[in-house]
Amino acid sequence: MRLLLMSDTHLPRRAKRLPELLLDELPRADVVFHAGDWVDTATLDLLESRSRRLIGVYGNNDGPGLRARLPEVAYAELDGLRFGAVHETGAAQGRETRCATRFPDLDVLVFGHSHIPWDSTAPGGLRLLNPGSPTDRRRQPYCTYMTAEIKDGALAEITLCRLPPR
């Protein structure tokens, strides 16, 4: 099962549209995650129309239209792995312990907010993934998103994908 992970698209404030390289990944993904800060409902509509399955949450910059359609936290079981998605997880220091306490029943947590890619494992085995942002790199050298695969009930082949400068 192939996964596509993104967050913090901030459209149309940070970019006019999603990058073509990211859009090209949509047909290859069995499940698409968006960890919040969409800003516009058009991006949600686009991903819903092009994704086989979309798992999304709202972020701190998302208004009433998105909050009416998306949860703060989303959960899904995919090939035996228990996933969650949330926008904010707090400061980097202590993140693993804090998330493992808040989400004790998950195997993988996809999150956003910082625009900083993150891949770590908490004590107890919770995998934390932040794909960064495909449209607003902030202090990062590249705009990014992630792909991953689930093989034999395990998360495999996690790739941080760098996008060319706009």
N, C-alpha and C. Protein backbone atom coordinates (compact mmCIF):
# COMPACT_ATOMS: atom_id res chain seq x y z
N MET A 1 0.85 -1.17 0.00
CA MET A 1 0.00 0.00 0.00
C MET A 1 0.90 1.23 0.00
N ARG A 2 0.65 2.13 -0.93
CA ARG A 2 1.47 3.34 -1.07
C ARG A 2 0.76 4.54 -0.43
N LEU A 3 1.52 5.32 0.36
CA LEU A 3 1.01 6.47 1.06
C LEU A 3 1.68 7.75 0.55
N LEU A 4 0.91 8.83 0.54
CA LEU A 4 1.41 10.16 0.21
C LEU A 4 1.06 11.06 1.38
N LEU A 5 2.06 11.72 1.96
CA LEU A 5 1.86 12.55 3.14
C LEU A 5 2.24 14.00 2.83
N MET A 6 1.34 14.92 3.21
CA MET A 6 1.62 16.34 3.04
C MET A 6 0.98 17.10 4.19
N SER A 7 1.39 18.36 4.32
CA SER A 7 0.83 19.23 5.33
C SER A 7 1.12 20.68 4.96
N ASP A 8 0.45 21.59 5.61
CA ASP A 8 0.77 23.01 5.53
C ASP A 8 0.87 23.52 4.09
N THR A 9 -0.18 23.28 3.32
CA THR A 9 -0.18 23.75 1.94
C THR A 9 -0.49 25.24 1.84
N HIS A 10 -1.26 25.80 2.76
CA HIS A 10 -1.49 27.25 2.85
C HIS A 10 -1.88 27.89 1.52
N LEU A 11 -2.74 27.23 0.77
CA LEU A 11 -3.15 27.80 -0.52
C LEU A 11 -4.36 28.71 -0.34
N PRO A 12 -4.43 29.78 -1.03
CA PRO A 12 -3.49 30.33 -2.04
C PRO A 12 -2.52 31.36 -1.46
N ARG A 13 -2.33 31.38 -0.15
CA ARG A 13 -1.46 32.40 0.47
C ARG A 13 0.01 32.17 0.16
N ARG A 14 0.50 30.94 0.29
CA ARG A 14 1.93 30.65 0.12
C ARG A 14 2.29 30.22 -1.29
N ALA A 15 1.29 29.78 -2.04
CA ALA A 15 1.48 29.39 -3.44
C ALA A 15 0.11 29.45 -4.09
N LYS A 16 0.10 29.53 -5.40
CA LYS A 16 -1.18 29.58 -6.14
C LYS A 16 -1.80 28.20 -6.27
N ARG A 17 -0.94 27.16 -6.35
CA ARG A 17 -1.44 25.80 -6.53
C ARG A 17 -0.42 24.80 -6.00
N LEU A 18 -0.84 23.57 -5.88
CA LEU A 18 0.08 22.51 -5.46
C LEU A 18 1.08 22.23 -6.57
N PRO A 19 2.32 21.89 -6.22
CA PRO A 19 3.33 21.59 -7.25
C PRO A 19 2.93 20.38 -8.11
N GLU A 20 3.26 20.44 -9.38
CA GLU A 20 2.93 19.35 -10.32
C GLU A 20 3.53 18.02 -9.87
N LEU A 21 4.75 18.03 -9.35
CA LEU A 21 5.36 16.77 -8.90
C LEU A 21 4.54 16.10 -7.81
N LEU A 22 3.98 16.91 -6.93
CA LEU A 22 3.11 16.38 -5.88
C LEU A 22 1.80 15.87 -6.48
N LEU A 23 1.20 16.62 -7.36
CA LEU A 23 -0.04 16.20 -8.01
C LEU A 23 0.16 14.91 -8.80
N ASP A 24 1.34 14.74 -9.39
CA ASP A 24 1.65 13.51 -10.14
C ASP A 24 1.68 12.28 -9.24
N GLU A 25 1.92 12.47 -7.95
CA GLU A 25 1.96 11.36 -7.00
C GLU A 25 0.55 10.85 -6.64
N LEU A 26 -0.46 11.70 -6.78
CA LEU A 26 -1.81 11.33 -6.34
C LEU A 26 -2.32 10.02 -6.94
N PRO A 27 -2.21 9.79 -8.25
CA PRO A 27 -2.73 8.54 -8.79
C PRO A 27 -1.97 7.29 -8.33
N ARG A 28 -0.75 7.48 -7.85
CA ARG A 28 0.06 6.34 -7.38
C ARG A 28 -0.22 5.99 -5.93
N ALA A 29 -0.90 6.89 -5.21
CA ALA A 29 -1.13 6.69 -3.77
C ALA A 29 -2.44 5.97 -3.52
N ASP A 30 -2.38 4.98 -2.66
CA ASP A 30 -3.61 4.33 -2.19
C ASP A 30 -4.30 5.18 -1.14
N VAL A 31 -3.48 5.88 -0.33
CA VAL A 31 -4.02 6.75 0.73
C VAL A 31 -3.19 8.03 0.75
N VAL A 32 -3.90 9.16 0.83
CA VAL A 32 -3.27 10.48 0.93
C VAL A 32 -3.59 11.05 2.31
N PHE A 33 -2.56 11.51 3.00
CA PHE A 33 -2.72 12.20 4.28
C PHE A 33 -2.44 13.68 4.08
N HIS A 34 -3.26 14.52 4.71
CA HIS A 34 -2.98 15.96 4.78
C HIS A 34 -3.15 16.34 6.24
N ALA A 35 -2.05 16.82 6.85
CA ALA A 35 -2.03 17.09 8.29
C ALA A 35 -2.33 18.55 8.63
N GLY A 36 -3.22 19.18 7.87
CA GLY A 36 -3.75 20.48 8.25
C GLY A 36 -3.06 21.70 7.69
N ASP A 37 -3.70 22.84 7.91
CA ASP A 37 -3.37 24.13 7.33
C ASP A 37 -3.48 24.08 5.80
N TRP A 38 -4.68 23.75 5.38
CA TRP A 38 -5.06 23.78 3.97
C TRP A 38 -5.25 25.22 3.54
N VAL A 39 -5.96 25.98 4.37
CA VAL A 39 -6.38 27.37 4.24
C VAL A 39 -7.58 27.52 3.30
N ASP A 40 -7.59 26.88 2.14
CA ASP A 40 -8.74 27.00 1.24
C ASP A 40 -9.45 25.66 1.06
N THR A 41 -10.74 25.72 0.86
CA THR A 41 -11.51 24.48 0.64
C THR A 41 -11.27 23.91 -0.75
N ALA A 42 -10.79 24.72 -1.69
CA ALA A 42 -10.52 24.22 -3.04
C ALA A 42 -9.46 23.12 -3.02
N THR A 43 -8.48 23.22 -2.14
CA THR A 43 -7.45 22.18 -2.06
C THR A 43 -8.05 20.89 -1.51
N LEU A 44 -8.92 21.00 -0.52
CA LEU A 44 -9.63 19.82 -0.01
C LEU A 44 -10.47 19.19 -1.12
N ASP A 45 -11.21 20.00 -1.86
CA ASP A 45 -12.01 19.49 -2.98
C ASP A 45 -11.14 18.77 -4.01
N LEU A 46 -10.00 19.37 -4.36
CA LEU A 46 -9.09 18.78 -5.33
C LEU A 46 -8.58 17.42 -4.85
N LEU A 47 -8.10 17.36 -3.62
CA LEU A 47 -7.56 16.10 -3.11
C LEU A 47 -8.64 15.05 -2.95
N GLU A 48 -9.83 15.45 -2.54
CA GLU A 48 -10.94 14.48 -2.46
C GLU A 48 -11.26 13.91 -3.84
N SER A 49 -11.23 14.75 -4.86
CA SER A 49 -11.59 14.29 -6.20
C SER A 49 -10.51 13.43 -6.85
N ARG A 50 -9.27 13.59 -6.45
CA ARG A 50 -8.16 12.87 -7.11
C ARG A 50 -7.56 11.74 -6.28
N SER A 51 -7.99 11.61 -5.04
CA SER A 51 -7.41 10.59 -4.16
C SER A 51 -8.32 9.39 -4.05
N ARG A 52 -7.71 8.21 -4.00
CA ARG A 52 -8.51 7.00 -3.75
C ARG A 52 -9.09 7.05 -2.34
N ARG A 53 -8.25 7.48 -1.40
CA ARG A 53 -8.70 7.67 -0.02
C ARG A 53 -7.92 8.84 0.55
N LEU A 54 -8.63 9.77 1.17
CA LEU A 54 -8.00 10.95 1.77
C LEU A 54 -8.27 10.95 3.26
N ILE A 55 -7.20 11.13 4.03
CA ILE A 55 -7.31 11.27 5.47
C ILE A 55 -6.74 12.65 5.79
N GLY A 56 -7.59 13.54 6.29
CA GLY A 56 -7.15 14.90 6.55
C GLY A 56 -7.69 15.42 7.86
N VAL A 57 -7.02 16.45 8.36
CA VAL A 57 -7.42 17.14 9.58
C VAL A 57 -7.30 18.64 9.35
N TYR A 58 -7.95 19.41 10.19
CA TYR A 58 -7.80 20.85 10.07
C TYR A 58 -6.63 21.32 10.92
N GLY A 59 -6.09 22.48 10.54
CA GLY A 59 -4.99 23.09 11.28
C GLY A 59 -5.39 24.43 11.85
N ASN A 60 -4.46 25.07 12.51
CA ASN A 60 -4.74 26.33 13.20
C ASN A 60 -5.08 27.47 12.24
N ASN A 61 -4.70 27.39 10.97
CA ASN A 61 -5.02 28.43 10.00
C ASN A 61 -6.27 28.12 9.18
N ASP A 62 -6.95 27.05 9.50
CA ASP A 62 -8.13 26.64 8.73
C ASP A 62 -9.40 27.18 9.38
N GLY A 63 -10.22 27.83 8.53
CA GLY A 63 -11.42 28.48 9.01
C GLY A 63 -12.62 27.54 9.13
N PRO A 64 -13.79 28.12 9.36
CA PRO A 64 -15.00 27.35 9.61
C PRO A 64 -15.38 26.38 8.49
N GLY A 65 -15.15 26.75 7.24
CA GLY A 65 -15.50 25.86 6.13
C GLY A 65 -14.74 24.55 6.17
N LEU A 66 -13.46 24.61 6.49
CA LEU A 66 -12.65 23.38 6.60
C LEU A 66 -12.93 22.65 7.90
N ARG A 67 -13.11 23.38 8.96
CA ARG A 67 -13.39 22.74 10.26
C ARG A 67 -14.73 22.01 10.26
N ALA A 68 -15.64 22.46 9.43
CA ALA A 68 -16.93 21.77 9.32
C ALA A 68 -16.79 20.44 8.58
N ARG A 69 -15.77 20.30 7.77
CA ARG A 69 -15.60 19.10 6.94
C ARG A 69 -14.51 18.14 7.43
N LEU A 70 -13.64 18.62 8.33
CA LEU A 70 -12.49 17.82 8.75
C LEU A 70 -12.43 17.75 10.28
N PRO A 71 -11.90 16.65 10.81
CA PRO A 71 -11.74 16.55 12.27
C PRO A 71 -10.42 17.19 12.72
N GLU A 72 -10.29 17.39 14.00
CA GLU A 72 -9.01 17.85 14.56
C GLU A 72 -8.00 16.70 14.56
N VAL A 73 -8.48 15.49 14.82
CA VAL A 73 -7.64 14.29 14.82
C VAL A 73 -8.37 13.24 13.99
N ALA A 74 -7.63 12.56 13.11
CA ALA A 74 -8.21 11.48 12.29
C ALA A 74 -7.48 10.18 12.61
N TYR A 75 -8.23 9.09 12.52
CA TYR A 75 -7.68 7.76 12.79
C TYR A 75 -8.03 6.83 11.65
N ALA A 76 -7.12 5.90 11.34
CA ALA A 76 -7.39 4.90 10.31
C ALA A 76 -6.50 3.69 10.55
N GLU A 77 -7.05 2.52 10.28
CA GLU A 77 -6.23 1.31 10.28
C GLU A 77 -5.95 0.94 8.84
N LEU A 78 -4.68 0.83 8.51
CA LEU A 78 -4.24 0.53 7.14
C LEU A 78 -3.35 -0.69 7.17
N ASP A 79 -3.82 -1.76 6.57
CA ASP A 79 -3.06 -3.03 6.52
C ASP A 79 -2.51 -3.42 7.89
N GLY A 80 -3.33 -3.26 8.91
CA GLY A 80 -2.94 -3.68 10.25
C GLY A 80 -2.21 -2.65 11.07
N LEU A 81 -1.82 -1.52 10.47
CA LEU A 81 -1.16 -0.45 11.22
C LEU A 81 -2.18 0.60 11.62
N ARG A 82 -2.07 1.08 12.85
CA ARG A 82 -2.99 2.09 13.36
C ARG A 82 -2.36 3.48 13.18
N PHE A 83 -3.00 4.28 12.31
CA PHE A 83 -2.51 5.61 11.98
C PHE A 83 -3.37 6.67 12.65
N GLY A 84 -2.74 7.79 12.93
CA GLY A 84 -3.44 8.98 13.35
C GLY A 84 -2.86 10.17 12.61
N ALA A 85 -3.65 11.22 12.49
CA ALA A 85 -3.18 12.47 11.91
C ALA A 85 -3.68 13.61 12.79
N VAL A 86 -2.82 14.59 12.99
CA VAL A 86 -3.15 15.77 13.79
C VAL A 86 -2.27 16.90 13.27
N HIS A 87 -2.70 18.12 13.43
CA HIS A 87 -1.88 19.22 12.94
C HIS A 87 -0.75 19.56 13.91
N GLU A 88 -1.09 19.88 15.13
CA GLU A 88 -0.10 20.38 16.09
C GLU A 88 0.27 19.33 17.12
N THR A 89 1.57 19.26 17.43
CA THR A 89 2.05 18.35 18.47
C THR A 89 2.88 19.08 19.52
N GLY A 90 2.98 20.41 19.43
CA GLY A 90 3.76 21.17 20.40
C GLY A 90 5.22 21.25 20.02
N ALA A 91 6.02 21.70 20.97
CA ALA A 91 7.45 21.93 20.76
C ALA A 91 8.18 20.64 20.41
N ALA A 92 9.28 20.79 19.69
CA ALA A 92 10.09 19.63 19.30
C ALA A 92 10.62 18.89 20.54
N GLN A 93 11.07 19.64 21.53
CA GLN A 93 11.60 19.02 22.74
C GLN A 93 10.47 18.29 23.47
N GLY A 94 10.65 17.03 23.69
CA GLY A 94 9.66 16.21 24.39
C GLY A 94 8.53 15.71 23.52
N ARG A 95 8.61 15.93 22.20
CA ARG A 95 7.52 15.54 21.29
C ARG A 95 7.22 14.04 21.35
N GLU A 96 8.25 13.21 21.30
CA GLU A 96 8.01 11.77 21.26
C GLU A 96 7.24 11.29 22.49
N THR A 97 7.69 11.71 23.67
CA THR A 97 7.03 11.29 24.90
C THR A 97 5.60 11.83 24.98
N ARG A 98 5.45 13.10 24.63
CA ARG A 98 4.13 13.74 24.68
C ARG A 98 3.15 13.03 23.74
N CYS A 99 3.59 12.72 22.52
CA CYS A 99 2.70 12.07 21.55
C CYS A 99 2.42 10.62 21.92
N ALA A 100 3.42 9.93 22.45
CA ALA A 100 3.20 8.55 22.88
C ALA A 100 2.17 8.49 24.01
N THR A 101 2.17 9.50 24.88
CA THR A 101 1.20 9.56 25.97
C THR A 101 -0.19 9.91 25.44
N ARG A 102 -0.25 10.85 24.50
CA ARG A 102 -1.55 11.29 23.97
C ARG A 102 -2.17 10.25 23.05
N PHE A 103 -1.34 9.51 22.31
CA PHE A 103 -1.83 8.55 21.33
C PHE A 103 -1.26 7.15 21.60
N PRO A 104 -1.61 6.56 22.74
CA PRO A 104 -0.98 5.28 23.12
C PRO A 104 -1.35 4.10 22.22
N ASP A 105 -2.44 4.21 21.47
CA ASP A 105 -2.90 3.08 20.67
C ASP A 105 -2.48 3.16 19.20
N LEU A 106 -1.65 4.15 18.84
CA LEU A 106 -1.24 4.31 17.45
C LEU A 106 0.12 3.68 17.18
N ASP A 107 0.31 3.31 15.92
CA ASP A 107 1.62 2.88 15.44
C ASP A 107 2.34 4.02 14.73
N VAL A 108 1.57 4.89 14.04
CA VAL A 108 2.14 5.99 13.25
C VAL A 108 1.28 7.23 13.46
N LEU A 109 1.94 8.37 13.70
CA LEU A 109 1.26 9.66 13.79
C LEU A 109 1.83 10.59 12.73
N VAL A 110 0.96 11.08 11.86
CA VAL A 110 1.33 12.07 10.84
C VAL A 110 0.91 13.43 11.39
N PHE A 111 1.84 14.39 11.38
CA PHE A 111 1.53 15.71 11.92
C PHE A 111 2.16 16.79 11.05
N GLY A 112 1.81 18.03 11.34
CA GLY A 112 2.30 19.16 10.57
C GLY A 112 2.66 20.32 11.47
N HIS A 113 2.29 21.52 11.06
CA HIS A 113 2.40 22.79 11.76
C HIS A 113 3.77 23.46 11.65
N SER A 114 4.85 22.74 11.86
CA SER A 114 6.17 23.38 11.92
C SER A 114 6.78 23.65 10.55
N HIS A 115 6.31 22.97 9.52
CA HIS A 115 6.89 23.01 8.17
C HIS A 115 8.28 22.37 8.16
N ILE A 116 8.66 21.71 9.22
CA ILE A 116 9.97 21.08 9.34
C ILE A 116 9.80 19.57 9.25
N PRO A 117 10.39 18.93 8.24
CA PRO A 117 10.28 17.46 8.16
C PRO A 117 10.79 16.79 9.43
N TRP A 118 10.11 15.71 9.78
CA TRP A 118 10.43 15.01 11.04
C TRP A 118 10.15 13.54 10.84
N ASP A 119 11.05 12.71 11.31
CA ASP A 119 10.87 11.26 11.30
C ASP A 119 11.58 10.72 12.52
N SER A 120 10.81 10.31 13.51
CA SER A 120 11.40 9.77 14.73
C SER A 120 10.49 8.67 15.28
N THR A 121 11.03 7.95 16.24
CA THR A 121 10.26 6.89 16.90
C THR A 121 10.29 7.13 18.40
N ALA A 122 9.11 7.16 18.99
CA ALA A 122 8.98 7.39 20.43
C ALA A 122 9.26 6.11 21.20
N PRO A 123 9.61 6.23 22.48
CA PRO A 123 9.69 5.03 23.31
C PRO A 123 8.35 4.29 23.24
N GLY A 124 8.40 3.02 23.04
CA GLY A 124 7.18 2.24 22.88
C GLY A 124 6.85 1.99 21.42
N GLY A 125 7.54 2.69 20.50
CA GLY A 125 7.41 2.36 19.09
C GLY A 125 6.58 3.27 18.21
N LEU A 126 5.92 4.31 18.76
CA LEU A 126 5.13 5.21 17.93
C LEU A 126 6.05 5.94 16.94
N ARG A 127 5.76 5.82 15.65
CA ARG A 127 6.52 6.52 14.61
C ARG A 127 5.87 7.86 14.36
N LEU A 128 6.65 8.93 14.40
CA LEU A 128 6.16 10.29 14.17
C LEU A 128 6.71 10.79 12.84
N LEU A 129 5.80 11.24 11.96
CA LEU A 129 6.19 11.71 10.64
C LEU A 129 5.58 13.08 10.36
N ASN A 130 6.43 14.04 10.02
CA ASN A 130 5.98 15.34 9.54
C ASN A 130 6.57 15.50 8.14
N PRO A 131 5.72 15.64 7.11
CA PRO A 131 6.24 15.73 5.75
C PRO A 131 6.75 17.11 5.36
N GLY A 132 6.73 18.08 6.27
CA GLY A 132 7.10 19.45 5.91
C GLY A 132 5.98 20.08 5.10
N SER A 133 6.33 21.02 4.25
CA SER A 133 5.34 21.70 3.42
C SER A 133 5.77 21.69 1.96
N PRO A 134 4.84 21.38 1.05
CA PRO A 134 5.19 21.40 -0.38
C PRO A 134 5.13 22.80 -0.99
N THR A 135 4.69 23.79 -0.20
CA THR A 135 4.49 25.14 -0.75
C THR A 135 5.16 26.25 0.05
N ASP A 136 5.56 25.98 1.29
CA ASP A 136 6.13 27.02 2.15
C ASP A 136 7.26 26.44 2.97
N ARG A 137 8.47 26.60 2.47
CA ARG A 137 9.62 25.94 3.11
C ARG A 137 10.07 26.64 4.40
N ARG A 138 9.60 27.85 4.61
CA ARG A 138 10.02 28.66 5.76
C ARG A 138 11.53 28.66 5.87
N ARG A 139 12.09 28.15 6.96
CA ARG A 139 13.54 28.18 7.15
C ARG A 139 14.22 26.91 6.64
N GLN A 140 13.49 26.08 5.93
CA GLN A 140 14.05 24.83 5.41
C GLN A 140 14.67 25.07 4.03
N PRO A 141 15.62 24.23 3.63
CA PRO A 141 16.23 24.44 2.31
C PRO A 141 15.30 24.09 1.14
N TYR A 142 14.31 23.24 1.37
CA TYR A 142 13.43 22.79 0.30
C TYR A 142 11.98 22.70 0.79
N CYS A 143 11.05 22.84 -0.13
CA CYS A 143 9.67 22.42 0.11
C CYS A 143 9.65 20.91 0.00
N THR A 144 8.82 20.25 0.80
CA THR A 144 8.88 18.79 0.87
C THR A 144 7.49 18.16 1.05
N TYR A 145 7.44 16.87 0.78
CA TYR A 145 6.34 15.98 1.12
C TYR A 145 6.97 14.60 1.33
N MET A 146 6.20 13.62 1.77
CA MET A 146 6.71 12.27 2.00
C MET A 146 5.89 11.25 1.25
N THR A 147 6.55 10.16 0.91
CA THR A 147 5.87 8.96 0.46
C THR A 147 6.31 7.83 1.38
N ALA A 148 5.49 6.81 1.47
CA ALA A 148 5.82 5.64 2.28
C ALA A 148 5.04 4.45 1.73
N GLU A 149 5.45 3.28 2.14
CA GLU A 149 4.73 2.06 1.78
C GLU A 149 4.48 1.23 3.02
N ILE A 150 3.40 0.52 2.99
CA ILE A 150 3.14 -0.48 4.00
C ILE A 150 3.35 -1.83 3.33
N LYS A 151 4.28 -2.60 3.87
CA LYS A 151 4.58 -3.93 3.33
C LYS A 151 4.55 -4.94 4.48
N ASP A 152 3.80 -5.99 4.30
CA ASP A 152 3.71 -7.05 5.30
C ASP A 152 3.40 -6.50 6.69
N GLY A 153 2.48 -5.53 6.75
CA GLY A 153 2.05 -4.99 8.03
C GLY A 153 3.04 -4.05 8.70
N ALA A 154 4.05 -3.59 7.95
CA ALA A 154 5.04 -2.68 8.53
C ALA A 154 5.23 -1.47 7.63
N LEU A 155 5.55 -0.35 8.22
CA LEU A 155 5.84 0.86 7.47
C LEU A 155 7.23 0.72 6.85
N ALA A 156 7.33 0.98 5.56
CA ALA A 156 8.60 0.77 4.85
C ALA A 156 8.81 1.89 3.83
N GLU A 157 10.01 2.02 3.40
CA GLU A 157 10.36 2.92 2.30
C GLU A 157 9.81 4.33 2.48
N ILE A 158 10.08 4.91 3.62
CA ILE A 158 9.67 6.30 3.87
C ILE A 158 10.67 7.20 3.15
N THR A 159 10.15 8.07 2.29
CA THR A 159 11.01 8.95 1.49
C THR A 159 10.57 10.39 1.68
N LEU A 160 11.51 11.23 2.06
CA LEU A 160 11.27 12.67 2.09
C LEU A 160 11.59 13.19 0.69
N CYS A 161 10.60 13.72 0.02
CA CYS A 161 10.73 14.18 -1.36
C CYS A 161 10.93 15.69 -1.37
N ARG A 162 12.03 16.11 -1.97
CA ARG A 162 12.34 17.54 -2.09
C ARG A 162 11.79 18.05 -3.41
N LEU A 163 11.18 19.22 -3.35
CA LEU A 163 10.65 19.85 -4.55
C LEU A 163 11.62 20.92 -5.05
N PRO A 164 11.69 21.09 -6.37
CA PRO A 164 12.58 22.12 -6.90
C PRO A 164 12.08 23.52 -6.51
N PRO A 165 12.99 24.48 -6.43
CA PRO A 165 12.55 25.85 -6.11
C PRO A 165 11.55 26.36 -7.12
N ARG A 166 10.62 27.18 -6.65
CA ARG A 166 9.63 27.75 -7.54
C ARG A 166 10.16 28.98 -8.21
